[in-house]
Protein backbone atom coordinates (compact mmCIF):
# COMPACT_ATOMS: atom_id res chain seq x y z
CA UNK A 1 -21.71 -0.58 -22.91
CA UNK A 2 -18.18 -1.52 -24.00
CA UNK A 3 -15.15 -3.22 -22.48
CA UNK A 4 -12.52 -0.66 -23.50
CA UNK A 5 -11.14 1.92 -21.07
CA UNK A 6 -9.96 5.18 -22.62
CA UNK A 7 -6.39 6.56 -22.45
CA UNK A 8 -6.87 9.55 -20.17
CA UNK A 9 -4.05 9.71 -17.61
CA UNK A 10 -0.61 11.23 -18.03
CA UNK A 11 2.80 10.89 -16.33
CA UNK A 12 1.78 13.28 -13.51
CA UNK A 13 -1.14 10.98 -12.60
CA UNK A 14 1.11 7.90 -12.73
CA UNK A 15 3.64 9.44 -10.37
CA UNK A 16 0.80 10.71 -8.13
CA UNK A 17 -0.52 7.13 -8.03
CA UNK A 18 2.83 5.69 -6.93
CA UNK A 19 3.69 8.47 -4.43
CA UNK A 20 0.11 9.23 -3.41
CA UNK A 21 -0.90 5.64 -2.65
CA UNK A 22 2.27 4.76 -0.77
CA UNK A 23 2.72 7.98 1.18
CA UNK A 24 -0.27 8.76 3.30
CA UNK A 25 -1.40 6.49 6.08
CA UNK A 26 1.42 4.03 6.69
CA UNK A 27 4.20 6.48 7.46
CA UNK A 28 2.13 7.98 10.29
CA UNK A 29 0.49 4.91 11.72
CA UNK A 30 3.45 2.51 11.31
CA UNK A 31 6.10 4.96 12.64
CA UNK A 32 4.91 4.19 16.17
CA UNK A 33 4.79 0.46 15.50
CA UNK A 34 8.36 0.43 14.14
CA UNK A 35 9.60 2.24 17.22
CA UNK A 36 7.79 -0.28 19.42
CA UNK A 37 9.22 -3.19 17.41
CA UNK A 38 12.77 -1.79 17.78
CA UNK A 39 12.24 -1.05 21.54
CA UNK A 40 12.83 2.62 20.87
CA UNK A 41 16.11 2.12 18.93
CA UNK A 42 15.96 4.96 16.43
CA UNK A 43 18.99 3.68 14.46
CA UNK A 44 17.33 0.30 13.95
CA UNK A 45 14.10 2.07 13.05
CA UNK A 46 15.80 4.09 10.32
CA UNK A 47 17.56 0.97 9.07
CA UNK A 48 14.17 -0.79 8.79
CA UNK A 49 12.81 2.12 6.77
CA UNK A 50 15.87 1.97 4.45
CA UNK A 51 15.66 -1.81 4.02
CA UNK A 52 11.95 -1.71 3.30
CA UNK A 53 12.59 1.08 0.80
CA UNK A 54 15.35 -0.87 -0.97
CA UNK A 55 13.03 -3.86 -1.31
CA UNK A 56 10.36 -1.64 -2.85
CA UNK A 57 12.81 0.07 -5.23
CA UNK A 58 14.32 -3.19 -6.47
CA UNK A 59 10.92 -4.84 -7.08
CA UNK A 60 9.51 -1.68 -8.68
CA UNK A 61 12.50 -1.40 -11.00
CA UNK A 62 12.11 -5.05 -12.05
CA UNK A 63 8.49 -4.36 -12.98
CA UNK A 64 9.50 -1.11 -14.66
CA UNK A 65 11.69 -3.19 -17.01
CA UNK A 66 8.73 -5.38 -17.85
CA UNK A 67 6.57 -2.30 -18.16
CA UNK A 68 8.60 -1.14 -21.17
CA UNK A 69 7.53 -4.29 -23.03
CA UNK A 70 3.92 -5.02 -22.06
CA UNK A 71 0.87 -2.82 -22.11
CA UNK A 72 -2.53 -4.47 -21.92
CA UNK A 73 -4.94 -4.33 -18.97
CA UNK A 74 -3.73 -4.09 -15.39
CA UNK A 75 0.06 -4.17 -15.44
CA UNK A 76 0.83 -6.81 -12.80
CA UNK A 77 -1.50 -9.34 -14.42
CA UNK A 78 0.00 -8.53 -17.81
CA UNK A 79 3.51 -9.24 -16.52
CA UNK A 80 2.53 -12.44 -14.73
CA UNK A 81 0.67 -13.64 -17.78
CA UNK A 82 3.42 -12.81 -20.28
CA UNK A 83 6.34 -14.12 -18.24
CA UNK A 84 4.87 -17.09 -16.33
CA UNK A 85 1.67 -18.02 -18.19
CA UNK A 86 -2.04 -17.33 -18.54
CA UNK A 87 -3.21 -19.38 -15.57
CA UNK A 88 -0.66 -17.84 -13.23
CA UNK A 89 -1.64 -14.38 -14.43
CA UNK A 90 -5.27 -15.27 -13.64
CA UNK A 91 -4.45 -16.44 -10.13
CA UNK A 92 -2.47 -13.25 -9.44
CA UNK A 93 -5.44 -11.25 -10.69
CA UNK A 94 -7.89 -13.28 -8.59
CA UNK A 95 -5.80 -12.74 -5.45
CA UNK A 96 -5.62 -9.02 -6.14
CA UNK A 97 -9.38 -8.72 -6.68
CA UNK A 98 -10.62 -11.03 -3.93
CA UNK A 99 -8.14 -10.41 -1.14
CA UNK A 100 -5.40 -7.85 -1.69
CA UNK A 101 -7.33 -4.81 -2.92
CA UNK A 102 -10.47 -5.01 -0.77
CA UNK A 103 -8.66 -5.93 2.46
CA UNK A 104 -6.12 -3.13 2.15
CA UNK A 105 -8.72 -0.64 0.98
CA UNK A 106 -10.72 -1.48 4.10
CA UNK A 107 -7.75 -0.83 6.43
CA UNK A 108 -6.76 2.36 4.62
CA UNK A 109 -10.40 3.60 4.86
CA UNK A 110 -10.20 3.21 8.62
CA UNK A 111 -6.91 5.07 8.99
CA UNK A 112 -8.19 8.60 8.26
CA UNK A 113 -11.12 7.86 10.57
CA UNK A 114 -8.60 6.90 13.23
CA UNK A 115 -6.84 10.27 12.92
CA UNK A 116 -10.12 12.20 12.78
CA UNK A 117 -11.10 10.50 16.05
CA UNK A 118 -7.64 11.27 17.53
CA UNK A 119 -8.22 14.92 16.64
CA UNK A 120 -11.70 14.90 18.25
CA UNK A 121 -10.65 12.85 21.25
CA UNK A 122 -12.78 9.80 20.27
CA UNK A 123 -11.95 6.13 20.79
CA UNK A 124 -10.45 4.70 17.58
CA UNK A 125 -12.15 1.35 18.14
CA UNK A 126 -15.60 2.76 18.84
CA UNK A 127 -18.66 2.29 16.70
CA UNK A 128 -18.53 6.01 15.86
CA UNK A 129 -15.00 5.69 14.49
CA UNK A 130 -15.96 2.68 12.40
CA UNK A 131 -18.99 4.54 11.08
CA UNK A 132 -16.76 7.47 10.06
CA UNK A 133 -14.44 5.07 8.27
CA UNK A 134 -17.31 3.36 6.45
CA UNK A 135 -18.62 6.77 5.36
CA UNK A 136 -15.18 7.75 4.05
CA UNK A 137 -14.90 4.53 2.09
CA UNK A 138 -18.36 5.03 0.49
CA UNK A 139 -17.53 8.66 -0.43
CA UNK A 140 -14.27 7.55 -2.06
CA UNK A 141 -16.21 4.87 -3.99
CA UNK A 142 -18.69 7.48 -5.19
CA UNK A 143 -15.96 9.88 -6.27
CA UNK A 144 -14.12 7.23 -8.25
CA UNK A 145 -17.22 5.68 -9.79
CA UNK A 146 -19.16 8.79 -10.75
CA UNK A 147 -16.36 11.30 -11.30
CA UNK A 148 -13.17 9.51 -12.36
CA UNK A 149 -11.60 12.70 -13.80
CA UNK A 150 -12.35 14.49 -10.51
CA UNK A 151 -10.74 11.56 -8.77
CA UNK A 152 -7.57 12.15 -10.85
CA UNK A 153 -7.45 15.81 -9.78
CA UNK A 154 -8.02 14.76 -6.18
CA UNK A 155 -5.18 12.23 -6.40
CA UNK A 156 -2.65 14.70 -7.80
CA UNK A 157 -3.64 17.53 -5.40
CA UNK A 158 -3.59 15.34 -2.33
CA UNK A 159 -0.17 13.98 -3.32
CA UNK A 160 1.15 17.55 -3.25
CA UNK A 161 -0.70 18.41 -0.11
CA UNK A 162 0.50 15.36 1.83
CA UNK A 163 4.15 16.26 1.27
CA UNK A 164 3.67 19.54 3.13
CA UNK A 165 3.42 18.08 6.71
CA UNK A 166 6.02 15.41 5.97
CA UNK A 167 8.70 17.84 4.82
CA UNK A 168 7.67 20.41 7.42
CA UNK A 169 8.32 17.75 10.05
CA UNK A 170 11.47 16.58 8.33
CA UNK A 171 13.06 20.03 8.02
CA UNK A 172 11.77 21.91 11.07
CA UNK A 173 11.85 18.84 13.31
CA UNK A 174 15.49 18.13 12.43
CA UNK A 175 16.52 21.76 12.98
CA UNK A 176 14.71 22.06 16.31
CA UNK A 177 15.76 18.62 17.49
CA UNK A 178 19.43 19.18 16.73
CA UNK A 179 19.21 22.61 18.45
CA UNK A 180 17.65 21.44 21.68
CA UNK A 181 19.26 17.99 21.84
CA UNK A 182 16.09 15.95 21.41
CA UNK A 183 17.36 14.22 18.27
CA UNK A 184 20.65 13.16 19.83
CA UNK A 185 18.81 11.98 22.96
CA UNK A 186 16.46 9.86 20.86
CA UNK A 187 19.41 8.34 19.00
CA UNK A 188 21.06 7.38 22.27
CA UNK A 189 17.93 6.27 24.10
CA UNK A 190 17.30 2.52 23.84
CA UNK A 191 15.32 0.54 26.39
CA UNK A 192 17.19 -2.14 28.24
CA UNK A 193 14.70 -4.76 27.07
CA UNK A 194 16.08 -4.85 23.52
CA UNK A 195 16.04 -8.56 22.67
CA UNK A 196 17.69 -10.03 19.60
CA UNK A 197 18.60 -7.36 17.05
CA UNK A 198 17.86 -9.69 14.12
CA UNK A 199 14.28 -10.53 15.05
CA UNK A 200 13.69 -6.95 16.19
CA UNK A 201 14.81 -5.57 12.83
CA UNK A 202 12.76 -8.11 10.88
CA UNK A 203 9.63 -7.19 12.78
CA UNK A 204 10.25 -3.50 12.00
CA UNK A 205 10.80 -4.18 8.30
CA UNK A 206 7.53 -6.18 8.13
CA UNK A 207 5.79 -3.21 9.72
CA UNK A 208 7.35 -0.89 7.13
CA UNK A 209 5.96 -3.09 4.33
CA UNK A 210 2.52 -1.57 4.84
CA UNK A 211 3.93 1.96 4.74
CA UNK A 212 5.69 1.14 1.44
CA UNK A 213 2.88 -0.81 -0.14
CA UNK A 214 0.74 0.58 -2.94
CA UNK A 215 3.26 1.23 -5.70
CA UNK A 216 2.12 -1.85 -7.58
CA UNK A 217 -1.42 -0.41 -7.71
CA UNK A 218 -0.19 2.19 -10.21
CA UNK A 219 0.16 -0.65 -12.76
CA UNK A 220 -3.59 -1.18 -12.59
CA UNK A 221 -4.20 1.95 -14.72
CA UNK A 222 -1.77 1.09 -17.53
CA UNK A 223 -4.72 0.54 -19.91
CA UNK A 224 -5.79 4.14 -19.20
CA UNK A 225 -2.27 5.65 -19.16
CA UNK A 226 -1.02 7.59 -22.17
CA UNK A 227 2.19 6.12 -23.56
CA UNK A 228 2.18 3.56 -20.75
CA UNK A 229 5.37 1.79 -21.91
CA UNK A 230 7.34 4.96 -21.19
CA UNK A 231 5.33 6.68 -18.48
CA UNK A 232 4.61 3.72 -16.18
CA UNK A 233 8.29 2.71 -15.76
CA UNK A 234 9.24 6.35 -15.17
CA UNK A 235 6.56 6.68 -12.54
CA UNK A 236 7.64 3.52 -10.74
CA UNK A 237 11.28 4.54 -10.71
CA UNK A 238 10.92 8.20 -9.71
CA UNK A 239 7.99 7.59 -7.38
CA UNK A 240 9.89 4.91 -5.42
CA UNK A 241 12.93 7.13 -4.91
CA UNK A 242 10.79 10.08 -3.76
CA UNK A 243 9.01 7.83 -1.23
CA UNK A 244 12.12 6.40 0.41
CA UNK A 245 13.79 9.80 0.78
CA UNK A 246 10.60 11.31 2.19
CA UNK A 247 10.08 8.54 4.77
CA UNK A 248 13.60 8.56 6.14
CA UNK A 249 13.67 12.35 6.40
CA UNK A 250 10.25 12.41 8.15
CA UNK A 251 11.33 9.71 10.60
CA UNK A 252 14.45 11.71 11.56
CA UNK A 253 12.40 14.93 11.85
CA UNK A 254 9.92 13.16 14.11
CA UNK A 255 12.83 12.26 16.42
CA UNK A 256 13.49 15.98 16.81
CA UNK A 257 9.93 16.90 17.64
CA UNK A 258 9.13 14.47 20.44
CA UNK A 259 10.82 11.71 22.43
CA UNK A 260 10.64 8.10 21.27
CA UNK A 261 8.87 7.14 24.49
CA UNK A 262 6.04 9.58 23.76
CA UNK A 263 5.56 8.24 20.23
CA UNK A 264 5.53 4.63 21.45
CA UNK A 265 3.15 5.36 24.32
CA UNK A 266 0.79 7.69 22.51
CA UNK A 267 -0.36 5.31 19.74
CA UNK A 268 -2.57 7.18 17.29
CA UNK A 269 -1.95 10.37 19.25
CA UNK A 270 1.82 10.23 18.60
CA UNK A 271 1.81 12.13 15.30
CA UNK A 272 -0.64 14.69 16.72
CA UNK A 273 1.56 15.32 19.76
CA UNK A 274 4.62 15.72 17.54
CA UNK A 275 2.96 18.21 15.17
CA UNK A 276 1.38 20.12 18.03
CA UNK A 277 4.70 20.38 19.92
CA UNK A 278 6.58 21.56 16.86
CA UNK A 279 4.04 23.86 15.28
CA UNK A 280 1.97 25.03 18.21
CA UNK A 281 2.54 28.64 17.27
CA UNK A 282 1.60 28.20 13.63
CA UNK A 283 -1.27 25.75 14.01
CA UNK A 284 -0.08 22.24 14.86
CA UNK A 285 -3.67 21.01 14.61
CA UNK A 286 -3.97 22.58 11.15
CA UNK A 287 -0.94 20.63 9.96
CA UNK A 288 -2.36 17.48 11.52
CA UNK A 289 -5.44 18.01 9.27
CA UNK A 290 -2.99 17.80 6.35
CA UNK A 291 -2.10 14.31 7.65
CA UNK A 292 -5.78 13.32 7.45
CA UNK A 293 -6.00 14.70 3.89
CA UNK A 294 -2.92 12.68 2.93
CA UNK A 295 -4.61 9.51 4.23
CA UNK A 296 -7.64 10.32 2.09
CA UNK A 297 -5.38 10.60 -0.93
CA UNK A 298 -3.95 7.16 -0.19
CA UNK A 299 -7.42 5.72 0.02
CA UNK A 300 -8.41 7.39 -3.28
CA UNK A 301 -5.48 5.80 -5.10
CA UNK A 302 -6.06 2.37 -3.58
CA UNK A 303 -9.78 2.65 -4.38
CA UNK A 304 -8.93 3.54 -7.99
CA UNK A 305 -7.14 0.21 -8.37
CA UNK A 306 -9.61 -1.75 -6.30
CA UNK A 307 -12.61 -0.85 -8.44
CA UNK A 308 -10.93 -2.00 -11.64
CA UNK A 309 -9.65 -5.35 -10.28
CA UNK A 310 -12.56 -7.56 -11.41
CA UNK A 311 -12.75 -5.77 -14.76
CA UNK A 312 -9.09 -6.70 -15.44
CA UNK A 313 -10.05 -10.39 -15.19
CA UNK A 314 -13.35 -10.04 -17.01
CA UNK A 315 -11.86 -8.48 -20.18
CA UNK A 316 -9.74 -11.61 -20.38
CA UNK A 317 -12.95 -13.65 -20.19
CA UNK A 318 -11.78 -15.08 -16.84
CA UNK A 319 -13.50 -15.51 -13.50
CA UNK A 320 -17.18 -15.39 -12.65
CA UNK A 321 -19.65 -13.57 -14.91
CA UNK A 322 -17.01 -11.93 -17.18
CA UNK A 323 -19.60 -10.69 -19.59
CA UNK A 324 -21.17 -8.67 -16.74
CA UNK A 325 -18.00 -7.44 -15.02
CA UNK A 326 -16.30 -6.41 -18.26
CA UNK A 327 -18.95 -3.77 -18.99
CA UNK A 328 -17.90 -0.15 -19.00
CA UNK A 329 -20.31 2.70 -18.55
CA UNK A 330 -20.33 4.94 -21.63
CA UNK A 331 -20.81 8.20 -19.68
CA UNK A 332 -18.28 7.73 -16.92
CA UNK A 333 -15.92 5.25 -18.73
CA UNK A 334 -15.90 3.23 -15.52
CA UNK A 335 -16.45 -0.54 -15.01
CA UNK A 336 -19.40 0.03 -12.70
CA UNK A 337 -20.31 -3.65 -12.12
CA UNK A 338 -16.70 -4.43 -11.20
CA UNK A 339 -16.73 -1.43 -8.88
CA UNK A 340 -19.90 -2.54 -7.09
CA UNK A 341 -18.51 -6.04 -6.50
CA UNK A 342 -15.22 -4.55 -5.23
CA UNK A 343 -16.83 -2.18 -2.77
CA UNK A 344 -19.04 -5.01 -1.45
CA UNK A 345 -15.96 -7.13 -0.72
CA UNK A 346 -14.27 -4.12 0.85
CA UNK A 347 -17.23 -3.91 3.26
CA UNK A 348 -16.76 -7.60 4.16
CA UNK A 349 -13.06 -7.11 4.83
CA UNK A 350 -13.80 -3.95 6.78
CA UNK A 351 -16.01 -5.91 9.15
CA UNK A 352 -13.35 -8.59 9.37
CA UNK A 353 -10.62 -6.03 10.19
CA UNK A 354 -12.71 -4.71 13.03
CA UNK A 355 -13.53 -8.12 14.45
CA UNK A 356 -10.02 -9.46 14.08
CA UNK A 357 -7.92 -6.46 15.20
CA UNK A 358 -9.92 -3.81 17.07
CA UNK A 359 -12.05 -5.67 19.61
CA UNK A 360 -10.78 -6.86 23.03
CA UNK A 361 -11.52 -10.49 22.15
CA UNK A 362 -11.08 -11.25 18.43
CA UNK A 363 -14.16 -12.72 16.78
CA UNK A 364 -12.32 -15.21 14.62
CA UNK A 365 -10.03 -16.78 17.21
CA UNK A 366 -6.80 -18.15 15.67
CA UNK A 367 -8.01 -16.95 12.25
CA UNK A 368 -7.76 -13.31 13.34
CA UNK A 369 -4.83 -11.73 11.50
CA UNK A 370 -3.55 -8.30 10.46
CA UNK A 371 -4.93 -7.56 6.99
CA UNK A 372 -2.64 -4.51 6.72
CA UNK A 373 0.49 -6.72 6.46
CA UNK A 374 -0.05 -10.40 5.71
CA UNK A 375 -1.76 -10.00 2.26
CA UNK A 376 1.18 -7.79 1.23
CA UNK A 377 3.65 -10.52 2.05
CA UNK A 378 1.67 -13.04 -0.02
CA UNK A 379 2.03 -10.71 -2.96
CA UNK A 380 5.82 -10.73 -2.55
CA UNK A 381 5.70 -14.53 -2.72
CA UNK A 382 3.74 -14.30 -5.96
CA UNK A 383 6.38 -11.99 -7.44
CA UNK A 384 9.09 -14.66 -7.18
CA UNK A 385 8.01 -16.88 -10.15
CA UNK A 386 7.70 -13.74 -12.28
CA UNK A 387 11.27 -12.67 -11.46
CA UNK A 388 12.63 -16.20 -11.87
CA UNK A 389 11.14 -16.71 -15.33
CA UNK A 390 11.98 -13.13 -16.27
CA UNK A 391 15.60 -14.30 -16.57
CA UNK A 392 14.55 -17.27 -18.75
CA UNK A 393 11.89 -15.95 -21.09
CA UNK A 394 12.73 -12.29 -21.55
CA UNK A 395 15.26 -11.21 -24.16
CA UNK A 396 16.98 -8.37 -22.35
CA UNK A 397 20.35 -7.53 -23.89
CA UNK A 398 21.51 -5.62 -20.81
CA UNK A 399 23.01 -8.19 -18.36
CA UNK A 400 22.22 -5.94 -15.37
CA UNK A 401 18.51 -5.84 -16.26
CA UNK A 402 18.39 -9.49 -17.36
CA UNK A 403 20.12 -11.09 -14.35
CA UNK A 404 21.14 -8.72 -11.56
CA UNK A 405 17.80 -6.94 -11.10
CA UNK A 406 15.66 -10.10 -11.04
CA UNK A 407 18.05 -11.85 -8.63
CA UNK A 408 18.04 -8.87 -6.29
CA UNK A 409 14.24 -8.75 -6.52
CA UNK A 410 13.96 -12.46 -5.63
CA UNK A 411 16.29 -12.01 -2.64
CA UNK A 412 14.18 -9.03 -1.51
CA UNK A 413 11.00 -11.09 -1.69
CA UNK A 414 12.59 -14.00 0.18
CA UNK A 415 13.77 -11.62 2.87
CA UNK A 416 10.21 -10.35 3.30
CA UNK A 417 8.85 -13.89 3.57
CA UNK A 418 11.38 -14.91 6.20
CA UNK A 419 10.80 -11.70 8.15
CA UNK A 420 7.04 -12.33 8.17
CA UNK A 421 7.33 -15.93 9.31
CA UNK A 422 9.68 -14.95 12.16
CA UNK A 423 7.39 -12.04 13.17
CA UNK A 424 3.96 -13.65 12.93
CA UNK A 425 4.96 -17.28 13.59
CA UNK A 426 1.89 -19.59 13.68
CA UNK A 427 -0.46 -16.79 12.63
CA UNK A 428 1.03 -17.10 9.13
CA UNK A 429 -0.35 -20.64 8.95
CA UNK A 430 -3.87 -19.60 9.72
CA UNK A 431 -3.63 -16.75 7.23
CA UNK A 432 -2.40 -19.15 4.55
CA UNK A 433 -5.36 -21.44 5.18
CA UNK A 434 -7.72 -18.54 4.49
CA UNK A 435 -5.62 -17.55 1.46
CA UNK A 436 -5.76 -21.17 0.16
CA UNK A 437 -9.56 -21.29 0.43
CA UNK A 438 -9.94 -18.02 -1.50
CA UNK A 439 -7.57 -19.22 -4.20
CA UNK A 440 -9.37 -22.59 -4.56
CA UNK A 441 -12.64 -20.71 -5.10
CA UNK A 442 -10.90 -18.84 -7.87
CA UNK A 443 -9.50 -21.95 -9.49
CA UNK A 444 -13.01 -23.27 -10.02
CA UNK A 445 -13.68 -20.54 -12.58
CA UNK A 446 -10.94 -20.19 -15.14
CA UNK A 447 -12.59 -19.38 -18.50
CA UNK A 448 -11.19 -18.00 -21.73
CA UNK A 449 -9.91 -19.13 -24.55
CA UNK A 450 -11.00 -15.80 -26.13
CA UNK A 451 -10.89 -12.32 -24.62
CA UNK A 452 -14.12 -10.36 -24.51
CA UNK A 453 -14.32 -7.62 -27.08
């Protein structure tokens, strides 16, 4: 057993991580939520996708700048540690391992099950649907733990596959919609019950945050990425641009395939109805299966980062049982103990997600919150000290990179925090109480002075 992970991934894998993790589940299952949040206002919906994309691009570019300087183990922790300090880096890593990765992996594991059940006509909150989701999560765990190179091929191939239905909808949907007037009708159609544009837009941007989340996970493989100082920044930059363009084009294409009212009313069936309407003659259901495959690709990428989260702390001799969690299997070159702990926590968060969001009466009362959005916003808050001190501690000779980019990134993070507070109101307080307890547990166990070898 050793603690070193081998350099085995190239630029293609890094881009596939960025694009493949972000594009997949959110664009399908948040498109309906964004339309609902904007009361069917397609223009506001597109604006929310653009704003969410700008926030992602700015933050990703800021980390891309840091990525050219630091290359250790798990990029985000490296950057937090180098710019802010060791203890802050540890707390970021603890949050990622204990809350961020397992809670989002749990939700993303349920999403393909949701669409499988939509295809089969099953209830998405049923025990059968949850069992399908749990099975999918375990299969993804097995693939990443026992066959990491196969997982790489799966990630790259699903990234290519998932772009097929998105661009098919973007191109064909736009052409058909402009031809029959559906697109223009959707742009003009806004329900009378619109409410305040500001709060409506903020709620939509918060919803888009889930669809855009995942790009930071690509930094978790920097220790296994060949020439990471060049390839990781390239992947973050190009991947982010590809994602924003794809989302906006898909959203416009969707408006040409089906009315906004149908998407808002159909829930998980909305994407299926759109694909079936548009491609009924060439197999709308077949293209919908591509949607499911794309969700599986997103899960694979998130799982890849999730399973390495505890290892990233352990190799720094931090957290609980670092000597155990730092071990790497010689045959698979995977941190198996870290992976087992991560999948166990994912199971816990999976049960929480069901009890907090999918049952008629939430199990946890006021402490029931949406784990697909709130943990993401906490991460944006944790970015702020990194961007602030980036201007103080980093010696960047380019003024744009040294001052403009960090300032824009800070403003983007603050925007997300304000949007979340306005959208979720008092629920944010209950989430922060849970967050505080988890972080206090982590503070009990800060080890190091020496890294494990």
